[in-house]
């Protein structure tokens, strides 16, 4: 957070100020909006509570998927669906095709089977 500051000292200072931070072990973060989905791969997710106000911080590799455009599927996208849904390549490709390349929708569809 602050360069050169000892992490333990930082934690003590945050505790005195009433700030609690918790790391969340997330594999994939999906933010859905009206026009696009933001898919964040390999995220570092932190939940921060400061005096009762809760904030989530997400850092990672962001891919934007426009819901109105047809996109080409990358090998990374297919691999992500396969890993997250624990399925075969063929199942991942079929689900991605049915969801117009929407990773989140494909993963959820396969996980619900």
PDB file of N, CA and C in Angstrom:
ATOM      1  N   UNK A   1       0.834  -1.193   0.000  1.00  0.00           N
ATOM      2  CA  UNK A   1       0.000   0.000   0.000  1.00  0.00           C
ATOM      3  C   UNK A   1       0.871   1.245   0.000  1.00  0.00           C
ATOM      4  N   UNK A   2       1.824   1.334   0.987  1.00  0.00           N
ATOM      5  CA  UNK A   2       2.767   2.448   1.030  1.00  0.00           C
ATOM      6  C   UNK A   2       4.158   1.880   0.833  1.00  0.00           C
ATOM      7  N   UNK A   3       4.882   2.325  -0.196  1.00  0.00           N
ATOM      8  CA  UNK A   3       6.213   1.769  -0.468  1.00  0.00           C
ATOM      9  C   UNK A   3       7.161   1.956   0.714  1.00  0.00           C
ATOM     10  N   UNK A   4       7.950   0.929   0.988  1.00  0.00           N
ATOM     11  CA  UNK A   4       8.959   1.011   2.033  1.00  0.00           C
ATOM     12  C   UNK A   4       8.441   0.793   3.445  1.00  0.00           C
ATOM     13  N   UNK A   5       7.130   0.603   3.620  1.00  0.00           N
ATOM     14  CA  UNK A   5       6.573   0.407   4.961  1.00  0.00           C
ATOM     15  C   UNK A   5       6.491  -1.080   5.263  1.00  0.00           C
ATOM     16  N   UNK A   6       6.873  -1.449   6.459  1.00  0.00           N
ATOM     17  CA  UNK A   6       6.813  -2.831   6.914  1.00  0.00           C
ATOM     18  C   UNK A   6       5.354  -3.289   6.906  1.00  0.00           C
ATOM     19  N   UNK A   7       5.046  -4.421   6.246  1.00  0.00           N
ATOM     20  CA  UNK A   7       3.668  -4.899   6.181  1.00  0.00           C
ATOM     21  C   UNK A   7       3.016  -5.112   7.546  1.00  0.00           C
ATOM     22  N   UNK A   8       3.787  -5.591   8.540  1.00  0.00           N
ATOM     23  CA  UNK A   8       3.225  -5.802   9.881  1.00  0.00           C
ATOM     24  C   UNK A   8       2.877  -4.470  10.543  1.00  0.00           C
ATOM     25  N   UNK A   9       3.739  -3.479  10.347  1.00  0.00           N
ATOM     26  CA  UNK A   9       3.453  -2.150  10.888  1.00  0.00           C
ATOM     27  C   UNK A   9       2.214  -1.563  10.211  1.00  0.00           C
ATOM     28  N   UNK A  10       2.095  -1.820   8.908  1.00  0.00           N
ATOM     29  CA  UNK A  10       0.930  -1.343   8.159  1.00  0.00           C
ATOM     30  C   UNK A  10      -0.345  -1.967   8.709  1.00  0.00           C
ATOM     31  N   UNK A  11      -0.307  -3.271   8.996  1.00  0.00           N
ATOM     32  CA  UNK A  11      -1.480  -3.951   9.544  1.00  0.00           C
ATOM     33  C   UNK A  11      -1.866  -3.371  10.905  1.00  0.00           C
ATOM     34  N   UNK A  12      -0.866  -3.097  11.751  1.00  0.00           N
ATOM     35  CA  UNK A  12      -1.144  -2.510  13.065  1.00  0.00           C
ATOM     36  C   UNK A  12      -1.769  -1.130  12.917  1.00  0.00           C
ATOM     37  N   UNK A  13      -1.218  -0.322  12.017  1.00  0.00           N
ATOM     38  CA  UNK A  13      -1.747   1.031  11.797  1.00  0.00           C
ATOM     39  C   UNK A  13      -3.176   0.966  11.281  1.00  0.00           C
ATOM     40  N   UNK A  14      -3.441   0.040  10.348  1.00  0.00           N
ATOM     41  CA  UNK A  14      -4.788  -0.113   9.800  1.00  0.00           C
ATOM     42  C   UNK A  14      -5.767  -0.544  10.891  1.00  0.00           C
ATOM     43  N   UNK A  15      -5.324  -1.445  11.775  1.00  0.00           N
ATOM     44  CA  UNK A  15      -6.184  -1.922  12.860  1.00  0.00           C
ATOM     45  C   UNK A  15      -6.543  -0.775  13.804  1.00  0.00           C
ATOM     46  N   UNK A  16      -5.565   0.068  14.122  1.00  0.00           N
ATOM     47  CA  UNK A  16      -5.817   1.226  14.990  1.00  0.00           C
ATOM     48  C   UNK A  16      -6.823   2.182  14.370  1.00  0.00           C
ATOM     49  N   UNK A  17      -6.806   2.281  13.044  1.00  0.00           N
ATOM     50  CA  UNK A  17      -7.733   3.171  12.341  1.00  0.00           C
ATOM     51  C   UNK A  17      -9.092   2.515  12.085  1.00  0.00           C
ATOM     52  N   UNK A  18      -9.253   1.267  12.505  1.00  0.00           N
ATOM     53  CA  UNK A  18     -10.520   0.573  12.300  1.00  0.00           C
ATOM     54  C   UNK A  18     -10.675   0.022  10.892  1.00  0.00           C
ATOM     55  N   UNK A  19      -9.558  -0.272  10.246  1.00  0.00           N
ATOM     56  CA  UNK A  19      -9.578  -0.805   8.881  1.00  0.00           C
ATOM     57  C   UNK A  19      -9.185  -2.282   8.935  1.00  0.00           C
ATOM     58  N   UNK A  20     -10.050  -3.124   8.384  1.00  0.00           N
ATOM     59  CA  UNK A  20      -9.743  -4.554   8.292  1.00  0.00           C
ATOM     60  C   UNK A  20      -9.663  -4.943   6.830  1.00  0.00           C
ATOM     61  N   UNK A  21      -8.658  -5.753   6.481  1.00  0.00           N
ATOM     62  CA  UNK A  21      -8.493  -6.206   5.109  1.00  0.00           C
ATOM     63  C   UNK A  21      -8.402  -7.723   5.096  1.00  0.00           C
ATOM     64  N   UNK A  22      -9.134  -8.326   4.171  1.00  0.00           N
ATOM     65  CA  UNK A  22      -9.154  -9.785   4.040  1.00  0.00           C
ATOM     66  C   UNK A  22      -8.922 -10.134   2.574  1.00  0.00           C
ATOM     67  N   UNK A  23      -7.994 -11.054   2.335  1.00  0.00           N
ATOM     68  CA  UNK A  23      -7.741 -11.526   0.979  1.00  0.00           C
ATOM     69  C   UNK A  23      -8.744 -12.631   0.655  1.00  0.00           C
ATOM     70  N   UNK A  24      -9.307 -12.603  -0.543  1.00  0.00           N
ATOM     71  CA  UNK A  24     -10.274 -13.605  -0.982  1.00  0.00           C
ATOM     72  C   UNK A  24      -9.625 -14.439  -2.074  1.00  0.00           C
ATOM     73  N   UNK A  25      -9.666 -15.757  -1.928  1.00  0.00           N
ATOM     74  CA  UNK A  25      -9.053 -16.663  -2.899  1.00  0.00           C
ATOM     75  C   UNK A  25     -10.014 -16.878  -4.066  1.00  0.00           C
ATOM     76  N   UNK A  26     -10.011 -15.942  -5.016  1.00  0.00           N
ATOM     77  CA  UNK A  26     -10.916 -16.015  -6.169  1.00  0.00           C
ATOM     78  C   UNK A  26     -10.170 -16.557  -7.378  1.00  0.00           C
ATOM     79  N   UNK A  27     -10.886 -17.288  -8.231  1.00  0.00           N
ATOM     80  CA  UNK A  27     -10.301 -17.832  -9.449  1.00  0.00           C
ATOM     81  C   UNK A  27     -10.666 -17.002 -10.672  1.00  0.00           C
ATOM     82  N   UNK A  28     -11.849 -16.401 -10.658  1.00  0.00           N
ATOM     83  CA  UNK A  28     -12.340 -15.636 -11.798  1.00  0.00           C
ATOM     84  C   UNK A  28     -13.363 -14.639 -11.278  1.00  0.00           C
ATOM     85  N   UNK A  29     -13.308 -13.394 -11.757  1.00  0.00           N
ATOM     86  CA  UNK A  29     -14.280 -12.382 -11.373  1.00  0.00           C
ATOM     87  C   UNK A  29     -14.992 -11.922 -12.637  1.00  0.00           C
ATOM     88  N   UNK A  30     -16.326 -11.870 -12.580  1.00  0.00           N
ATOM     89  CA  UNK A  30     -17.121 -11.450 -13.725  1.00  0.00           C
ATOM     90  C   UNK A  30     -18.011 -10.301 -13.281  1.00  0.00           C
ATOM     91  N   UNK A  31     -17.909  -9.181 -14.010  1.00  0.00           N
ATOM     92  CA  UNK A  31     -18.754  -8.026 -13.744  1.00  0.00           C
ATOM     93  C   UNK A  31     -19.647  -7.848 -14.967  1.00  0.00           C
ATOM     94  N   UNK A  32     -20.956  -7.952 -14.753  1.00  0.00           N
ATOM     95  CA  UNK A  32     -21.915  -7.841 -15.852  1.00  0.00           C
ATOM     96  C   UNK A  32     -22.509  -6.441 -15.871  1.00  0.00           C
ATOM     97  N   UNK A  33     -22.510  -5.813 -17.049  1.00  0.00           N
ATOM     98  CA  UNK A  33     -23.179  -4.537 -17.243  1.00  0.00           C
ATOM     99  C   UNK A  33     -24.209  -4.724 -18.351  1.00  0.00           C
ATOM    100  N   UNK A  34     -24.960  -3.696 -18.649  1.00  0.00           N
ATOM    101  CA  UNK A  34     -25.995  -3.805 -19.672  1.00  0.00           C
ATOM    102  C   UNK A  34     -25.413  -4.109 -21.051  1.00  0.00           C
ATOM    103  N   UNK A  35     -24.243  -3.545 -21.368  1.00  0.00           N
ATOM    104  CA  UNK A  35     -23.689  -3.672 -22.715  1.00  0.00           C
ATOM    105  C   UNK A  35     -22.497  -4.610 -22.838  1.00  0.00           C
ATOM    106  N   UNK A  36     -21.849  -4.917 -21.715  1.00  0.00           N
ATOM    107  CA  UNK A  36     -20.668  -5.759 -21.803  1.00  0.00           C
ATOM    108  C   UNK A  36     -20.427  -6.493 -20.488  1.00  0.00           C
ATOM    109  N   UNK A  37     -19.601  -7.511 -20.562  1.00  0.00           N
ATOM    110  CA  UNK A  37     -19.144  -8.236 -19.388  1.00  0.00           C
ATOM    111  C   UNK A  37     -17.652  -7.983 -19.249  1.00  0.00           C
ATOM    112  N   UNK A  38     -17.203  -7.792 -18.024  1.00  0.00           N
ATOM    113  CA  UNK A  38     -15.778  -7.682 -17.731  1.00  0.00           C
ATOM    114  C   UNK A  38     -15.365  -8.970 -17.048  1.00  0.00           C
ATOM    115  N   UNK A  39     -14.450  -9.701 -17.653  1.00  0.00           N
ATOM    116  CA  UNK A  39     -13.971 -10.962 -17.100  1.00  0.00           C
ATOM    117  C   UNK A  39     -12.539 -10.721 -16.630  1.00  0.00           C
ATOM    118  N   UNK A  40     -12.302 -10.953 -15.343  1.00  0.00           N
ATOM    119  CA  UNK A  40     -10.988 -10.713 -14.760  1.00  0.00           C
ATOM    120  C   UNK A  40     -10.384 -12.062 -14.394  1.00  0.00           C
ATOM    121  N   UNK A  41      -9.331 -12.415 -15.140  1.00  0.00           N
ATOM    122  CA  UNK A  41      -8.659 -13.692 -14.928  1.00  0.00           C
ATOM    123  C   UNK A  41      -7.519 -13.512 -13.939  1.00  0.00           C
ATOM    124  N   UNK A  42      -7.208 -14.566 -13.201  1.00  0.00           N
ATOM    125  CA  UNK A  42      -6.138 -14.557 -12.195  1.00  0.00           C
ATOM    126  C   UNK A  42      -6.246 -13.341 -11.271  1.00  0.00           C
ATOM    127  N   UNK A  43      -7.414 -13.132 -10.670  1.00  0.00           N
ATOM    128  CA  UNK A  43      -7.604 -11.921  -9.864  1.00  0.00           C
ATOM    129  C   UNK A  43      -6.962 -12.009  -8.485  1.00  0.00           C
ATOM    130  N   UNK A  44      -6.562 -10.839  -7.988  1.00  0.00           N
ATOM    131  CA  UNK A  44      -6.188 -10.676  -6.586  1.00  0.00           C
ATOM    132  C   UNK A  44      -7.321  -9.852  -5.991  1.00  0.00           C
ATOM    133  N   UNK A  45      -8.085 -10.443  -5.077  1.00  0.00           N
ATOM    134  CA  UNK A  45      -9.276  -9.799  -4.542  1.00  0.00           C
ATOM    135  C   UNK A  45      -9.091  -9.533  -3.051  1.00  0.00           C
ATOM    136  N   UNK A  46      -9.362  -8.289  -2.650  1.00  0.00           N
ATOM    137  CA  UNK A  46      -9.283  -7.898  -1.242  1.00  0.00           C
ATOM    138  C   UNK A  46     -10.608  -7.292  -0.814  1.00  0.00           C
ATOM    139  N   UNK A  47     -11.077  -7.695   0.361  1.00  0.00           N
ATOM    140  CA  UNK A  47     -12.263  -7.088   0.980  1.00  0.00           C
ATOM    141  C   UNK A  47     -11.756  -6.181   2.083  1.00  0.00           C
ATOM    142  N   UNK A  48     -12.128  -4.911   2.006  1.00  0.00           N
ATOM    143  CA  UNK A  48     -11.654  -3.926   2.970  1.00  0.00           C
ATOM    144  C   UNK A  48     -12.852  -3.349   3.707  1.00  0.00           C
ATOM    145  N   UNK A  49     -12.811  -3.406   5.035  1.00  0.00           N
ATOM    146  CA  UNK A  49     -13.877  -2.838   5.857  1.00  0.00           C
ATOM    147  C   UNK A  49     -13.287  -1.677   6.640  1.00  0.00           C
ATOM    148  N   UNK A  50     -13.780  -0.477   6.343  1.00  0.00           N
ATOM    149  CA  UNK A  50     -13.296   0.715   7.017  1.00  0.00           C
ATOM    150  C   UNK A  50     -14.473   1.381   7.700  1.00  0.00           C
ATOM    151  N   UNK A  51     -14.514   1.229   9.050  1.00  0.00           N
ATOM    152  CA  UNK A  51     -15.565   1.824   9.860  1.00  0.00           C
ATOM    153  C   UNK A  51     -16.962   1.441   9.361  1.00  0.00           C
ATOM    154  N   UNK A  52     -17.155   0.172   9.053  1.00  0.00           N
ATOM    155  CA  UNK A  52     -18.461  -0.319   8.637  1.00  0.00           C
ATOM    156  C   UNK A  52     -18.737  -0.202   7.145  1.00  0.00           C
ATOM    157  N   UNK A  53     -17.906   0.502   6.418  1.00  0.00           N
ATOM    158  CA  UNK A  53     -18.066   0.641   4.962  1.00  0.00           C
ATOM    159  C   UNK A  53     -17.206  -0.424   4.290  1.00  0.00           C
ATOM    160  N   UNK A  54     -17.845  -1.299   3.516  1.00  0.00           N
ATOM    161  CA  UNK A  54     -17.125  -2.401   2.898  1.00  0.00           C
ATOM    162  C   UNK A  54     -16.825  -2.101   1.426  1.00  0.00           C
ATOM    163  N   UNK A  55     -15.582  -2.382   1.025  1.00  0.00           N
ATOM    164  CA  UNK A  55     -15.125  -2.154  -0.340  1.00  0.00           C
ATOM    165  C   UNK A  55     -14.430  -3.413  -0.829  1.00  0.00           C
ATOM    166  N   UNK A  56     -14.599  -3.713  -2.109  1.00  0.00           N
ATOM    167  CA  UNK A  56     -13.897  -4.831  -2.724  1.00  0.00           C
ATOM    168  C   UNK A  56     -12.920  -4.260  -3.745  1.00  0.00           C
ATOM    169  N   UNK A  57     -11.665  -4.720  -3.695  1.00  0.00           N
ATOM    170  CA  UNK A  57     -10.645  -4.296  -4.651  1.00  0.00           C
ATOM    171  C   UNK A  57     -10.251  -5.509  -5.477  1.00  0.00           C
ATOM    172  N   UNK A  58     -10.272  -5.365  -6.811  1.00  0.00           N
ATOM    173  CA  UNK A  58      -9.937  -6.467  -7.708  1.00  0.00           C
ATOM    174  C   UNK A  58      -8.809  -6.025  -8.633  1.00  0.00           C
ATOM    175  N   UNK A  59      -7.757  -6.826  -8.679  1.00  0.00           N
ATOM    176  CA  UNK A  59      -6.629  -6.564  -9.569  1.00  0.00           C
ATOM    177  C   UNK A  59      -6.425  -7.813 -10.413  1.00  0.00           C
ATOM    178  N   UNK A  60      -6.258  -7.651 -11.730  1.00  0.00           N
ATOM    179  CA  UNK A  60      -6.021  -8.805 -12.582  1.00  0.00           C
ATOM    180  C   UNK A  60      -6.070  -8.449 -14.044  1.00  0.00           C
ATOM    181  N   UNK A  61      -6.054  -9.464 -14.877  1.00  0.00           N
ATOM    182  CA  UNK A  61      -6.076  -9.299 -16.329  1.00  0.00           C
ATOM    183  C   UNK A  61      -7.531  -9.202 -16.797  1.00  0.00           C
ATOM    184  N   UNK A  62      -7.909  -8.048 -17.354  1.00  0.00           N
ATOM    185  CA  UNK A  62      -9.308  -7.778 -17.702  1.00  0.00           C
ATOM    186  C   UNK A  62      -9.556  -7.991 -19.190  1.00  0.00           C
ATOM    187  N   UNK A  63     -10.621  -8.732 -19.487  1.00  0.00           N
ATOM    188  CA  UNK A  63     -11.086  -8.904 -20.850  1.00  0.00           C
ATOM    189  C   UNK A  63     -12.504  -8.359 -20.927  1.00  0.00           C
ATOM    190  N   UNK A  64     -12.765  -7.479 -21.904  1.00  0.00           N
ATOM    191  CA  UNK A  64     -14.113  -6.941 -22.095  1.00  0.00           C
ATOM    192  C   UNK A  64     -14.807  -7.722 -23.185  1.00  0.00           C
ATOM    193  N   UNK A  65     -16.039  -8.103 -22.917  1.00  0.00           N
ATOM    194  CA  UNK A  65     -16.835  -8.819 -23.905  1.00  0.00           C
ATOM    195  C   UNK A  65     -18.066  -7.979 -24.191  1.00  0.00           C
ATOM    196  N   UNK A  66     -18.128  -7.440 -25.398  1.00  0.00           N
ATOM    197  CA  UNK A  66     -19.266  -6.623 -25.823  1.00  0.00           C
ATOM    198  C   UNK A  66     -20.421  -7.562 -26.145  1.00  0.00           C
ATOM    199  N   UNK A  67     -21.557  -7.372 -25.495  1.00  0.00           N
ATOM    200  CA  UNK A  67     -22.698  -8.269 -25.676  1.00  0.00           C
ATOM    201  C   UNK A  67     -23.338  -8.121 -27.052  1.00  0.00           C
ATOM    202  N   UNK A  68     -23.066  -7.016 -27.742  1.00  0.00           N
ATOM    203  CA  UNK A  68     -23.697  -6.771 -29.037  1.00  0.00           C
ATOM    204  C   UNK A  68     -22.832  -7.202 -30.217  1.00  0.00           C
ATOM    205  N   UNK A  69     -21.586  -7.600 -29.963  1.00  0.00           N
ATOM    206  CA  UNK A  69     -20.683  -8.015 -31.023  1.00  0.00           C
ATOM    207  C   UNK A  69     -20.382  -9.495 -30.909  1.00  0.00           C
ATOM    208  N   UNK A  70     -20.231 -10.130 -32.046  1.00  0.00           N
ATOM    209  CA  UNK A  70     -19.811 -11.520 -32.050  1.00  0.00           C
ATOM    210  C   UNK A  70     -18.285 -11.518 -31.987  1.00  0.00           C
ATOM    211  N   UNK A  71     -17.727 -12.320 -31.113  1.00  0.00           N
ATOM    212  CA  UNK A  71     -16.276 -12.334 -30.973  1.00  0.00           C
ATOM    213  C   UNK A  71     -15.723 -13.693 -31.374  1.00  0.00           C
ATOM    214  N   UNK A  72     -14.432 -13.691 -31.718  1.00  0.00           N
ATOM    215  CA  UNK A  72     -13.753 -14.948 -32.000  1.00  0.00           C
ATOM    216  C   UNK A  72     -13.253 -15.510 -30.677  1.00  0.00           C
ATOM    217  N   UNK A  73     -13.253 -16.816 -30.588  1.00  0.00           N
ATOM    218  CA  UNK A  73     -12.827 -17.471 -29.359  1.00  0.00           C
ATOM    219  C   UNK A  73     -11.321 -17.698 -29.380  1.00  0.00           C
ATOM    220  N   UNK A  74     -10.666 -17.337 -28.293  1.00  0.00           N
ATOM    221  CA  UNK A  74      -9.228 -17.596 -28.182  1.00  0.00           C
ATOM    222  C   UNK A  74      -9.028 -18.904 -27.428  1.00  0.00           C
ATOM    223  N   UNK A  75      -7.848 -19.462 -27.581  1.00  0.00           N
ATOM    224  CA  UNK A  75      -7.519 -20.694 -26.846  1.00  0.00           C
ATOM    225  C   UNK A  75      -7.556 -20.453 -25.344  1.00  0.00           C
ATOM    226  N   UNK A  76      -7.167 -19.236 -24.913  1.00  0.00           N
ATOM    227  CA  UNK A  76      -7.218 -18.896 -23.484  1.00  0.00           C
ATOM    228  C   UNK A  76      -8.647 -18.933 -22.959  1.00  0.00           C
ATOM    229  N   UNK A  77      -9.594 -18.402 -23.756  1.00  0.00           N
ATOM    230  CA  UNK A  77     -10.993 -18.406 -23.342  1.00  0.00           C
ATOM    231  C   UNK A  77     -11.511 -19.835 -23.203  1.00  0.00           C
ATOM    232  N   UNK A  78     -11.198 -20.658 -24.191  1.00  0.00           N
ATOM    233  CA  UNK A  78     -11.651 -22.056 -24.157  1.00  0.00           C
ATOM    234  C   UNK A  78     -11.024 -22.770 -22.955  1.00  0.00           C
ATOM    235  N   UNK A  79      -9.733 -22.529 -22.719  1.00  0.00           N
ATOM    236  CA  UNK A  79      -9.053 -23.152 -21.579  1.00  0.00           C
ATOM    237  C   UNK A  79      -9.664 -22.705 -20.254  1.00  0.00           C
ATOM    238  N   UNK A  80      -9.993 -21.415 -20.155  1.00  0.00           N
ATOM    239  CA  UNK A  80     -10.604 -20.893 -18.928  1.00  0.00           C
ATOM    240  C   UNK A  80     -11.928 -21.598 -18.653  1.00  0.00           C
ATOM    241  N   UNK A  81     -12.764 -21.731 -19.684  1.00  0.00           N
ATOM    242  CA  UNK A  81     -14.054 -22.403 -19.515  1.00  0.00           C
ATOM    243  C   UNK A  81     -13.836 -23.856 -19.120  1.00  0.00           C
ATOM    244  N   UNK A  82     -12.885 -24.524 -19.773  1.00  0.00           N
ATOM    245  CA  UNK A  82     -12.608 -25.925 -19.442  1.00  0.00           C
ATOM    246  C   UNK A  82     -12.184 -26.081 -17.985  1.00  0.00           C
ATOM    247  N   UNK A  83     -11.302 -25.187 -17.524  1.00  0.00           N
ATOM    248  CA  UNK A  83     -10.813 -25.269 -16.147  1.00  0.00           C
ATOM    249  C   UNK A  83     -11.911 -24.960 -15.137  1.00  0.00           C
ATOM    250  N   UNK A  84     -12.651 -23.877 -15.390  1.00  0.00           N
ATOM    251  CA  UNK A  84     -13.655 -23.435 -14.427  1.00  0.00           C
ATOM    252  C   UNK A  84     -14.848 -24.387 -14.363  1.00  0.00           C
ATOM    253  N   UNK A  85     -15.227 -24.955 -15.504  1.00  0.00           N
ATOM    254  CA  UNK A  85     -16.406 -25.832 -15.546  1.00  0.00           C
ATOM    255  C   UNK A  85     -16.036 -27.306 -15.486  1.00  0.00           C
ATOM    256  N   UNK A  86     -14.718 -27.592 -15.473  1.00  0.00           N
ATOM    257  CA  UNK A  86     -14.252 -28.975 -15.432  1.00  0.00           C
ATOM    258  C   UNK A  86     -14.919 -29.806 -16.526  1.00  0.00           C
ATOM    259  N   UNK A  87     -14.708 -29.371 -17.781  1.00  0.00           N
ATOM    260  CA  UNK A  87     -15.356 -30.041 -18.907  1.00  0.00           C
ATOM    261  C   UNK A  87     -14.353 -30.282 -20.027  1.00  0.00           C
ATOM    262  N   UNK A  88     -14.799 -30.959 -21.071  1.00  0.00           N
ATOM    263  CA  UNK A  88     -13.943 -31.228 -22.226  1.00  0.00           C
ATOM    264  C   UNK A  88     -13.890 -29.997 -23.131  1.00  0.00           C
ATOM    265  N   UNK A  89     -12.951 -30.014 -24.056  1.00  0.00           N
ATOM    266  CA  UNK A  89     -12.811 -28.916 -25.022  1.00  0.00           C
ATOM    267  C   UNK A  89     -14.072 -28.777 -25.870  1.00  0.00           C
ATOM    268  N   UNK A  90     -14.627 -29.900 -26.279  1.00  0.00           N
ATOM    269  CA  UNK A  90     -15.831 -29.884 -27.116  1.00  0.00           C
ATOM    270  C   UNK A  90     -17.011 -29.258 -26.368  1.00  0.00           C
ATOM    271  N   UNK A  91     -17.164 -29.632 -25.088  1.00  0.00           N
ATOM    272  CA  UNK A  91     -18.245 -29.059 -24.282  1.00  0.00           C
ATOM    273  C   UNK A  91     -18.049 -27.555 -24.099  1.00  0.00           C
ATOM    274  N   UNK A  92     -16.796 -27.137 -23.893  1.00  0.00           N
ATOM    275  CA  UNK A  92     -16.501 -25.712 -23.715  1.00  0.00           C
ATOM    276  C   UNK A  92     -16.814 -24.940 -24.989  1.00  0.00           C
ATOM    277  N   UNK A  93     -16.405 -25.479 -26.136  1.00  0.00           N
ATOM    278  CA  UNK A  93     -16.672 -24.807 -27.414  1.00  0.00           C
ATOM    279  C   UNK A  93     -18.167 -24.703 -27.686  1.00  0.00           C
ATOM    280  N   UNK A  94     -18.901 -25.758 -27.377  1.00  0.00           N
ATOM    281  CA  UNK A  94     -20.358 -25.742 -27.584  1.00  0.00           C
ATOM    282  C   UNK A  94     -21.023 -24.695 -26.690  1.00  0.00           C
ATOM    283  N   UNK A  95     -20.630 -24.673 -25.429  1.00  0.00           N
ATOM    284  CA  UNK A  95     -21.221 -23.700 -24.495  1.00  0.00           C
ATOM    285  C   UNK A  95     -20.858 -22.274 -24.885  1.00  0.00           C
ATOM    286  N   UNK A  96     -19.617 -22.052 -25.323  1.00  0.00           N
ATOM    287  CA  UNK A  96     -19.209 -20.711 -25.762  1.00  0.00           C
ATOM    288  C   UNK A  96     -19.972 -20.296 -27.014  1.00  0.00           C
ATOM    289  N   UNK A  97     -20.205 -21.245 -27.907  1.00  0.00           N
ATOM    290  CA  UNK A  97     -20.975 -20.949 -29.118  1.00  0.00           C
ATOM    291  C   UNK A  97     -22.415 -20.580 -28.790  1.00  0.00           C
ATOM    292  N   UNK A  98     -23.015 -21.321 -27.875  1.00  0.00           N
ATOM    293  CA  UNK A  98     -24.399 -21.052 -27.478  1.00  0.00           C
ATOM    294  C   UNK A  98     -24.533 -19.738 -26.714  1.00  0.00           C
ATOM    295  N   UNK A  99     -23.448 -19.321 -26.052  1.00  0.00           N
ATOM    296  CA  UNK A  99     -23.503 -18.082 -25.269  1.00  0.00           C
ATOM    297  C   UNK A  99     -22.849 -16.912 -26.012  1.00  0.00           C
ATOM    298  N   UNK A 100     -22.625 -17.093 -27.315  1.00  0.00           N
ATOM    299  CA  UNK A 100     -22.052 -16.038 -28.161  1.00  0.00           C
ATOM    300  C   UNK A 100     -20.696 -15.561 -27.628  1.00  0.00           C
ATOM    301  N   UNK A 101     -19.895 -16.499 -27.121  1.00  0.00           N
ATOM    302  CA  UNK A 101     -18.561 -16.178 -26.640  1.00  0.00           C
ATOM    303  C   UNK A 101     -18.505 -15.624 -25.232  1.00  0.00           C
ATOM    304  N   UNK A 102     -19.628 -15.583 -24.530  1.00  0.00           N
ATOM    305  CA  UNK A 102     -19.673 -15.042 -23.170  1.00  0.00           C
ATOM    306  C   UNK A 102     -19.136 -16.099 -22.208  1.00  0.00           C
ATOM    307  N   UNK A 103     -17.923 -15.854 -21.699  1.00  0.00           N
ATOM    308  CA  UNK A 103     -17.269 -16.822 -20.814  1.00  0.00           C
ATOM    309  C   UNK A 103     -18.093 -17.117 -19.575  1.00  0.00           C
ATOM    310  N   UNK A 104     -18.574 -16.060 -18.944  1.00  0.00           N
ATOM    311  CA  UNK A 104     -19.330 -16.225 -17.702  1.00  0.00           C
ATOM    312  C   UNK A 104     -20.565 -17.089 -17.923  1.00  0.00           C
ATOM    313  N   UNK A 105     -21.289 -16.778 -18.961  1.00  0.00           N
ATOM    314  CA  UNK A 105     -22.518 -17.529 -19.256  1.00  0.00           C
ATOM    315  C   UNK A 105     -22.201 -18.981 -19.580  1.00  0.00           C
ATOM    316  N   UNK A 106     -21.142 -19.210 -20.350  1.00  0.00           N
ATOM    317  CA  UNK A 106     -20.750 -20.576 -20.712  1.00  0.00           C
ATOM    318  C   UNK A 106     -20.369 -21.369 -19.475  1.00  0.00           C
ATOM    319  N   UNK A 107     -19.591 -20.762 -18.596  1.00  0.00           N
ATOM    320  CA  UNK A 107     -19.152 -21.440 -17.355  1.00  0.00           C
ATOM    321  C   UNK A 107     -20.351 -21.777 -16.490  1.00  0.00           C
ATOM    322  N   UNK A 108     -21.225 -20.800 -16.286  1.00  0.00           N
ATOM    323  CA  UNK A 108     -22.405 -21.042 -15.443  1.00  0.00           C
ATOM    324  C   UNK A 108     -23.295 -22.119 -16.043  1.00  0.00           C
ATOM    325  N   UNK A 109     -23.449 -22.100 -17.366  1.00  0.00           N
ATOM    326  CA  UNK A 109     -24.285 -23.095 -18.031  1.00  0.00           C
ATOM    327  C   UNK A 109     -23.729 -24.502 -17.806  1.00  0.00           C
ATOM    328  N   UNK A 110     -22.417 -24.650 -17.979  1.00  0.00           N
ATOM    329  CA  UNK A 110     -21.795 -25.970 -17.807  1.00  0.00           C
ATOM    330  C   UNK A 110     -21.796 -26.410 -16.351  1.00  0.00           C
ATOM    331  N   UNK A 111     -21.618 -25.475 -15.427  1.00  0.00           N
ATOM    332  CA  UNK A 111     -21.608 -25.826 -14.006  1.00  0.00           C
ATOM    333  C   UNK A 111     -22.990 -26.241 -13.521  1.00  0.00           C
ATOM    334  N   UNK A 112     -24.034 -25.743 -14.160  1.00  0.00           N
ATOM    335  CA  UNK A 112     -25.387 -26.058 -13.712  1.00  0.00           C
ATOM    336  C   UNK A 112     -25.863 -27.415 -14.225  1.00  0.00           C
ATOM    337  N   UNK A 113     -25.098 -28.061 -15.107  1.00  0.00           N
ATOM    338  CA  UNK A 113     -25.491 -29.387 -15.630  1.00  0.00           C
ATOM    339  C   UNK A 113     -25.309 -30.453 -14.582  1.00  0.00           C
TER     340      UNK A 113
END
